Amino acid sequence: MKDIEGKTYDVVIVGSGPAGLTAALYAARADLNPIIFEGPEPGGQLMQTTDVENYPGYPEGVMGPKMMEDFRQQAKRFGADCRYGYVTRIDFDNRPYKLTVDEEATVYAHAIIIATGASAMWLDLPSEQRLRGKGVSACATCDGAFFRNEHVVIVGGGDTAMEEATFLTKFASKVTVIHRRDELRASKAMQNRAFENEKIEFMWDSELQEVMGEQAVQGVKVKNNKTGEVTTLEDVTGVFIAIGHKPNTDLFKGVLSMDDVGYIKTKGQSTETDLPGIFASGDAMDPIYRQAVTAAGTGCRAALDAERYLADNKDEKAIAQEHWK
């Protein structure tokens, strides 16, 4: 990091999933010489995904890590500087903004694009972690089509769980909802839709205890919280965890407006945040869609918004001209 110490950049991008790397591509093509700090999980959630079949341009599908490497190489082709680094602090009080990377290097930015993404919440079962991407998923929209005419389970009881359970019935022969309580937290409309679907059944007061299988899901063990009885479902081939997502936005808490969960709020259809020159993209600001293609779209928008911001504010006294490159 010594080679960047003290440098000022037009655009610094924090995060390297589809949103961050798309923003880097667009910013590089606009001659903004962006630097992207890839964070603790370079490539984002797609690094944990095997087959991606719903991203345009890959008619035969693609492995998640391969797609992220394609994104990275395309951005680098146009001059984006991709760095393995974790932004640990940002000074929001002065401009250019001061960023500390890995607690050691300091860089400055006239514009910052936030692309820190969100992380699915997991049960932290060893068997769940072992089989992630091998039948265990946190995205029914991404992976549901792999389980045609098969029995899958979904863990959760909120709106997301019911929405994904209903979605999975388009492919699966049966969907079993495992919920630790005796009633759902989902809205009445979502509950009714699930209750009326004959492909969906419920295991109440229950928790997933173990995902069976070594190289692929070959069943699950479910424990009833009231009786202690453990039931084995040997025909299950897919497990979907739907207990929520947590946006990776702790760095911006108390500074930028967020919803109750932590998703960054932006202005209207733009990616602008509360602070001038700071833009949010991808799953850090999208609690609804959470798809690679929509994240890439917001990364594009953030880069275009940043480009316009820099053009409009280049001559303002608020930007320290001695740092302008």
Protein backbone atom coordinates (compact mmCIF):
# COMPACT_ATOMS: atom_id res chain seq x y z
CA MET A 1 0.00 0.00 0.00
CA LYS A 2 3.02 2.31 0.17
CA ASP A 3 2.62 3.26 -3.48
CA ILE A 4 -0.79 4.86 -2.83
CA GLU A 5 -0.09 6.49 0.53
CA GLY A 6 -1.39 10.07 0.56
CA LYS A 7 -2.71 9.99 -3.00
CA THR A 8 -5.94 11.70 -4.00
CA TYR A 9 -8.35 9.97 -6.35
CA ASP A 10 -11.33 11.24 -8.23
CA VAL A 11 -13.26 8.08 -7.31
CA VAL A 12 -12.67 5.50 -4.62
CA ILE A 13 -14.91 2.43 -4.72
CA VAL A 14 -15.44 0.48 -1.52
CA GLY A 15 -16.42 -3.12 -2.25
CA SER A 16 -15.95 -5.45 -5.18
CA GLY A 17 -19.08 -7.42 -6.00
CA PRO A 18 -21.04 -6.85 -9.22
CA ALA A 19 -21.88 -3.29 -8.15
CA GLY A 20 -18.35 -2.26 -7.25
CA LEU A 21 -16.68 -3.80 -10.28
CA THR A 22 -19.29 -2.39 -12.67
CA ALA A 23 -18.81 1.03 -11.10
CA ALA A 24 -15.06 0.61 -11.58
CA LEU A 25 -15.56 -0.27 -15.25
CA TYR A 26 -17.71 2.79 -15.95
CA ALA A 27 -15.54 5.14 -13.92
CA ALA A 28 -12.40 3.86 -15.66
CA ARG A 29 -13.95 4.34 -19.09
CA ALA A 30 -14.78 7.92 -18.06
CA ASP A 31 -11.07 8.52 -17.34
CA LEU A 32 -11.71 8.96 -13.62
CA ASN A 33 -8.84 6.59 -12.72
CA PRO A 34 -10.79 4.81 -9.98
CA ILE A 35 -9.24 2.70 -7.27
CA ILE A 36 -11.34 -0.10 -5.82
CA PHE A 37 -10.71 -1.62 -2.42
CA GLU A 38 -12.11 -5.11 -2.59
CA GLY A 39 -12.79 -5.59 1.10
CA PRO A 40 -12.75 -8.71 3.27
CA GLU A 41 -14.62 -10.77 0.66
CA PRO A 42 -13.35 -9.84 -2.83
CA GLY A 43 -16.06 -10.56 -5.37
CA GLY A 44 -18.88 -10.51 -2.82
CA GLN A 45 -21.51 -13.19 -2.29
CA LEU A 46 -21.05 -14.63 -5.77
CA MET A 47 -17.73 -16.07 -4.65
CA GLN A 48 -19.84 -18.58 -2.68
CA THR A 49 -22.06 -19.41 -5.67
CA THR A 50 -21.44 -22.29 -8.02
CA ASP A 51 -23.56 -22.09 -11.19
CA VAL A 52 -24.92 -18.67 -12.18
CA GLU A 53 -27.47 -19.13 -14.94
CA ASN A 54 -29.48 -15.91 -14.75
CA TYR A 55 -26.87 -13.31 -15.71
CA PRO A 56 -27.08 -12.11 -19.34
CA GLY A 57 -24.15 -12.99 -21.55
CA TYR A 58 -23.48 -16.43 -20.14
CA PRO A 59 -25.79 -18.72 -22.11
CA GLU A 60 -24.21 -21.87 -20.68
CA GLY A 61 -24.06 -20.49 -17.14
CA VAL A 62 -20.90 -19.59 -15.26
CA MET A 63 -19.29 -20.25 -11.91
CA GLY A 64 -19.70 -17.30 -9.56
CA PRO A 65 -15.95 -16.81 -8.95
CA LYS A 66 -15.26 -17.00 -12.70
CA MET A 67 -17.87 -14.32 -13.41
CA MET A 68 -16.39 -12.02 -10.79
CA GLU A 69 -12.93 -12.51 -12.25
CA ASP A 70 -14.34 -11.61 -15.68
CA PHE A 71 -15.80 -8.43 -14.18
CA ARG A 72 -12.47 -7.61 -12.55
CA GLN A 73 -10.40 -8.14 -15.69
CA GLN A 74 -12.77 -6.00 -17.77
CA ALA A 75 -12.52 -3.14 -15.27
CA LYS A 76 -8.73 -3.47 -15.12
CA ARG A 77 -8.54 -3.42 -18.91
CA PHE A 78 -9.73 0.18 -18.85
CA GLY A 79 -7.41 1.22 -16.04
CA ALA A 80 -9.26 0.49 -12.79
CA ASP A 81 -6.84 -0.15 -9.92
CA CYS A 82 -8.20 -3.18 -8.03
CA ARG A 83 -6.63 -3.62 -4.59
CA TYR A 84 -7.00 -6.25 -1.90
CA GLY A 85 -7.70 -3.86 0.93
CA TYR A 86 -10.30 -3.16 3.61
CA VAL A 87 -11.44 0.41 4.24
CA THR A 88 -11.51 0.68 8.01
CA ARG A 89 -12.19 4.39 8.52
CA ILE A 90 -13.50 7.39 6.59
CA ASP A 91 -13.27 11.01 7.70
CA PHE A 92 -16.61 12.45 6.61
CA ASP A 93 -15.99 15.92 8.06
CA ASN A 94 -13.54 17.20 5.46
CA ARG A 95 -13.23 17.05 1.71
CA PRO A 96 -11.57 15.43 -0.10
CA TYR A 97 -12.68 12.52 2.05
CA LYS A 98 -9.91 10.75 3.90
CA LEU A 99 -9.99 6.93 3.87
CA THR A 100 -7.85 4.61 5.96
CA VAL A 101 -7.14 1.21 4.39
CA ASP A 102 -6.15 -1.81 6.49
CA GLU A 103 -5.39 0.57 9.38
CA GLU A 104 -2.17 1.60 7.67
CA ALA A 105 -2.55 3.45 4.36
CA THR A 106 -4.32 6.77 3.82
CA VAL A 107 -5.88 7.93 0.56
CA TYR A 108 -8.20 10.79 -0.35
CA ALA A 109 -11.27 10.83 -2.57
CA HIS A 110 -13.38 13.51 -4.21
CA ALA A 111 -16.12 10.93 -4.68
CA ILE A 112 -16.80 7.61 -2.97
CA ILE A 113 -18.96 4.81 -4.32
CA ILE A 114 -20.20 2.43 -1.63
CA ALA A 115 -20.53 -1.13 -2.91
CA THR A 116 -20.04 -3.07 0.31
CA GLY A 117 -22.97 -5.40 -0.35
CA ALA A 118 -24.94 -7.43 2.16
CA SER A 119 -24.33 -10.76 3.80
CA ALA A 120 -26.92 -13.48 4.17
CA MET A 121 -27.54 -14.50 7.73
CA TRP A 122 -26.78 -18.16 8.36
CA LEU A 123 -27.50 -20.67 11.10
CA ASP A 124 -23.77 -21.34 11.57
CA LEU A 125 -24.18 -25.10 11.49
CA PRO A 126 -20.96 -26.86 10.42
CA SER A 127 -22.91 -28.99 7.94
CA GLU A 128 -24.61 -25.89 6.53
CA GLN A 129 -21.29 -24.18 5.96
CA ARG A 130 -19.74 -27.30 4.42
CA LEU A 131 -22.52 -27.62 1.85
CA ARG A 132 -22.95 -23.97 0.91
CA GLY A 133 -23.12 -23.87 -2.88
CA LYS A 134 -23.64 -27.63 -2.94
CA GLY A 135 -27.36 -27.64 -2.25
CA VAL A 136 -27.42 -25.09 0.56
CA SER A 137 -28.32 -21.58 -0.59
CA ALA A 138 -29.60 -18.26 0.69
CA CYS A 139 -31.17 -17.22 -2.62
CA ALA A 140 -34.16 -19.08 -4.04
CA THR A 141 -34.31 -16.77 -7.06
CA CYS A 142 -30.70 -17.61 -7.87
CA ASP A 143 -30.77 -21.36 -7.32
CA GLY A 144 -34.38 -22.56 -7.28
CA ALA A 145 -34.34 -23.79 -10.87
CA PHE A 146 -31.71 -26.40 -9.97
CA PHE A 147 -34.28 -28.32 -7.91
CA ARG A 148 -36.97 -29.20 -10.42
CA ASN A 149 -39.29 -31.94 -9.16
CA GLU A 150 -37.29 -32.31 -5.95
CA HIS A 151 -38.04 -31.85 -2.25
CA VAL A 152 -36.48 -28.75 -0.69
CA VAL A 153 -36.70 -27.13 2.72
CA ILE A 154 -36.65 -23.47 3.60
CA VAL A 155 -35.78 -22.11 7.02
CA GLY A 156 -37.51 -18.95 8.22
CA GLY A 157 -40.89 -17.42 8.93
CA GLY A 158 -40.81 -13.86 7.62
CA ASP A 159 -41.92 -12.28 4.36
CA THR A 160 -38.72 -13.31 2.59
CA ALA A 161 -39.12 -16.93 3.64
CA MET A 162 -42.73 -17.09 2.48
CA GLU A 163 -41.95 -15.31 -0.77
CA GLU A 164 -39.09 -17.70 -1.50
CA ALA A 165 -41.12 -20.75 -0.46
CA THR A 166 -43.84 -19.75 -2.90
CA PHE A 167 -41.27 -19.10 -5.61
CA LEU A 168 -39.68 -22.50 -5.08
CA THR A 169 -42.98 -24.27 -5.76
CA LYS A 170 -42.53 -23.31 -9.42
CA PHE A 171 -39.77 -25.90 -9.57
CA ALA A 172 -39.80 -28.19 -6.54
CA SER A 173 -42.26 -31.02 -6.04
CA LYS A 174 -42.54 -30.15 -2.34
CA VAL A 175 -41.35 -27.30 -0.12
CA THR A 176 -41.12 -27.83 3.62
CA VAL A 177 -40.93 -24.67 5.73
CA ILE A 178 -39.02 -25.13 8.99
CA HIS A 179 -39.93 -22.48 11.55
CA ARG A 180 -38.85 -22.28 15.16
CA ARG A 181 -42.14 -20.79 16.36
CA ASP A 182 -45.76 -21.89 16.08
CA GLU A 183 -46.77 -18.93 13.94
CA LEU A 184 -45.22 -16.95 11.13
CA ARG A 185 -43.85 -13.41 11.27
CA ALA A 186 -44.75 -12.80 7.62
CA SER A 187 -47.55 -10.46 6.59
CA LYS A 188 -51.03 -11.95 6.40
CA ALA A 189 -51.04 -11.73 2.63
CA MET A 190 -47.77 -13.66 2.39
CA GLN A 191 -48.97 -16.21 4.94
CA ASN A 192 -52.23 -16.82 3.13
CA ARG A 193 -50.45 -17.30 -0.17
CA ALA A 194 -48.19 -19.93 1.41
CA PHE A 195 -50.99 -21.68 3.31
CA GLU A 196 -53.07 -21.95 0.15
CA ASN A 197 -50.25 -23.51 -1.86
CA GLU A 198 -50.66 -27.27 -1.74
CA LYS A 199 -46.96 -27.83 -2.41
CA ILE A 200 -45.95 -26.12 0.85
CA GLU A 201 -46.03 -27.85 4.22
CA PHE A 202 -44.86 -26.61 7.61
CA MET A 203 -42.82 -27.99 10.47
CA TRP A 204 -43.71 -25.79 13.45
CA ASP A 205 -41.65 -25.22 16.61
CA SER A 206 -38.72 -26.77 14.80
CA GLU A 207 -35.13 -26.00 13.98
CA LEU A 208 -32.75 -27.36 11.38
CA GLN A 209 -30.24 -29.45 13.28
CA GLU A 210 -28.08 -30.92 10.53
CA VAL A 211 -27.74 -30.97 6.76
CA MET A 212 -26.80 -34.46 5.65
CA GLY A 213 -24.37 -35.31 2.88
CA GLU A 214 -20.72 -34.75 2.07
CA GLN A 215 -20.52 -33.45 -1.50
CA ALA A 216 -24.22 -32.60 -1.91
CA VAL A 217 -27.34 -32.33 0.24
CA GLN A 218 -28.79 -35.78 0.93
CA GLY A 219 -31.34 -35.00 3.61
CA VAL A 220 -31.83 -32.98 6.78
CA LYS A 221 -32.39 -33.57 10.47
CA VAL A 222 -34.98 -31.37 12.16
CA LYS A 223 -35.48 -31.04 15.90
CA ASN A 224 -38.84 -30.21 17.47
CA ASN A 225 -38.24 -27.61 20.18
CA LYS A 226 -41.15 -28.76 22.33
CA THR A 227 -40.71 -32.53 22.26
CA GLY A 228 -37.01 -32.80 21.48
CA GLU A 229 -37.84 -35.34 18.79
CA VAL A 230 -35.52 -35.37 15.77
CA THR A 231 -37.05 -36.07 12.38
CA THR A 232 -34.95 -37.09 9.38
CA LEU A 233 -36.09 -36.06 5.91
CA GLU A 234 -33.99 -38.26 3.67
CA ASP A 235 -35.39 -37.14 0.32
CA VAL A 236 -34.43 -33.46 0.67
CA THR A 237 -31.88 -32.27 -1.90
CA GLY A 238 -31.98 -28.50 -1.35
CA VAL A 239 -31.84 -26.29 1.73
CA PHE A 240 -32.65 -22.57 1.57
CA ILE A 241 -31.86 -20.31 4.51
CA ALA A 242 -34.18 -17.30 4.62
CA ILE A 243 -33.61 -15.69 7.99
CA GLY A 244 -32.58 -12.32 6.58
CA HIS A 245 -29.67 -10.34 5.19
CA LYS A 246 -27.44 -7.82 6.91
CA PRO A 247 -26.08 -4.98 4.76
CA ASN A 248 -22.38 -4.38 5.30
CA THR A 249 -22.81 -0.73 6.18
CA ASP A 250 -21.51 -0.43 9.74
CA LEU A 251 -18.82 1.95 8.52
CA PHE A 252 -21.50 4.48 7.58
CA LYS A 253 -23.82 4.22 10.59
CA GLY A 254 -24.62 7.55 12.20
CA VAL A 255 -23.42 9.37 9.07
CA LEU A 256 -25.71 8.31 6.22
CA SER A 257 -29.47 7.79 6.39
CA MET A 258 -30.41 4.11 6.63
CA ASP A 259 -33.52 2.07 7.19
CA ASP A 260 -34.02 0.02 10.35
CA VAL A 261 -32.02 -2.90 8.98
CA GLY A 262 -29.07 -0.81 7.79
CA TYR A 263 -29.69 -0.38 4.05
CA ILE A 264 -28.45 3.02 2.90
CA LYS A 265 -31.15 5.40 1.67
CA THR A 266 -30.58 7.24 -1.60
CA LYS A 267 -32.28 10.23 -3.16
CA GLY A 268 -35.07 9.41 -5.60
CA GLN A 269 -33.89 7.38 -8.58
CA SER A 270 -30.27 8.42 -8.09
CA THR A 271 -27.55 6.77 -6.03
CA GLU A 272 -26.82 9.98 -4.10
CA THR A 273 -26.66 9.78 -0.31
CA ASP A 274 -26.92 12.49 2.34
CA LEU A 275 -23.35 13.64 1.80
CA PRO A 276 -22.05 15.29 -1.37
CA GLY A 277 -19.89 13.02 -3.47
CA ILE A 278 -20.88 9.80 -1.71
CA PHE A 279 -22.97 7.32 -3.68
CA ALA A 280 -24.43 3.94 -2.71
CA SER A 281 -24.94 0.94 -4.96
CA GLY A 282 -25.73 -2.75 -4.91
CA ASP A 283 -27.00 -4.71 -1.94
CA ALA A 284 -25.81 -2.01 0.46
CA MET A 285 -28.81 0.05 -0.66
CA ASP A 286 -31.17 -2.54 -2.17
CA PRO A 287 -33.32 -4.51 0.30
CA ILE A 288 -35.66 -5.81 -2.40
CA TYR A 289 -34.02 -7.37 -5.46
CA ARG A 290 -30.53 -8.45 -4.34
CA GLN A 291 -29.53 -9.89 -7.71
CA ALA A 292 -26.19 -9.69 -9.47
CA VAL A 293 -27.71 -8.00 -12.50
CA THR A 294 -29.55 -5.35 -10.48
CA ALA A 295 -26.45 -4.72 -8.38
CA ALA A 296 -24.42 -4.20 -11.55
CA GLY A 297 -27.06 -1.76 -12.77
CA THR A 298 -26.79 0.37 -9.64
CA GLY A 299 -22.99 0.26 -9.93
CA CYS A 300 -23.34 1.74 -13.41
CA ARG A 301 -25.69 4.41 -12.09
CA ALA A 302 -23.35 5.27 -9.22
CA ALA A 303 -20.41 5.75 -11.59
CA LEU A 304 -22.47 7.97 -13.88
CA ASP A 305 -23.75 9.97 -10.90
CA ALA A 306 -20.18 10.36 -9.62
CA GLU A 307 -18.96 11.46 -13.03
CA ARG A 308 -21.64 14.17 -13.22
CA TYR A 309 -20.96 15.25 -9.65
CA LEU A 310 -17.25 15.66 -10.32
CA ALA A 311 -17.90 17.62 -13.52
CA ASP A 312 -20.40 19.92 -11.81
CA ASN A 313 -18.25 20.54 -8.72
CA LYS A 314 -14.76 20.72 -10.10
CA ASP A 315 -14.56 24.48 -9.68
CA GLU A 316 -16.36 24.82 -6.35
CA LYS A 317 -14.33 26.07 -3.41
CA ALA A 318 -15.72 23.20 -1.30
CA ILE A 319 -13.37 20.85 -3.16
CA ALA A 320 -9.74 21.40 -2.28
CA GLN A 321 -8.26 22.28 -5.63
CA GLU A 322 -4.71 21.53 -4.59
CA HIS A 323 -5.67 17.86 -4.48
CA TRP A 324 -7.40 17.84 -7.87
CA LYS A 325 -5.74 15.58 -10.37
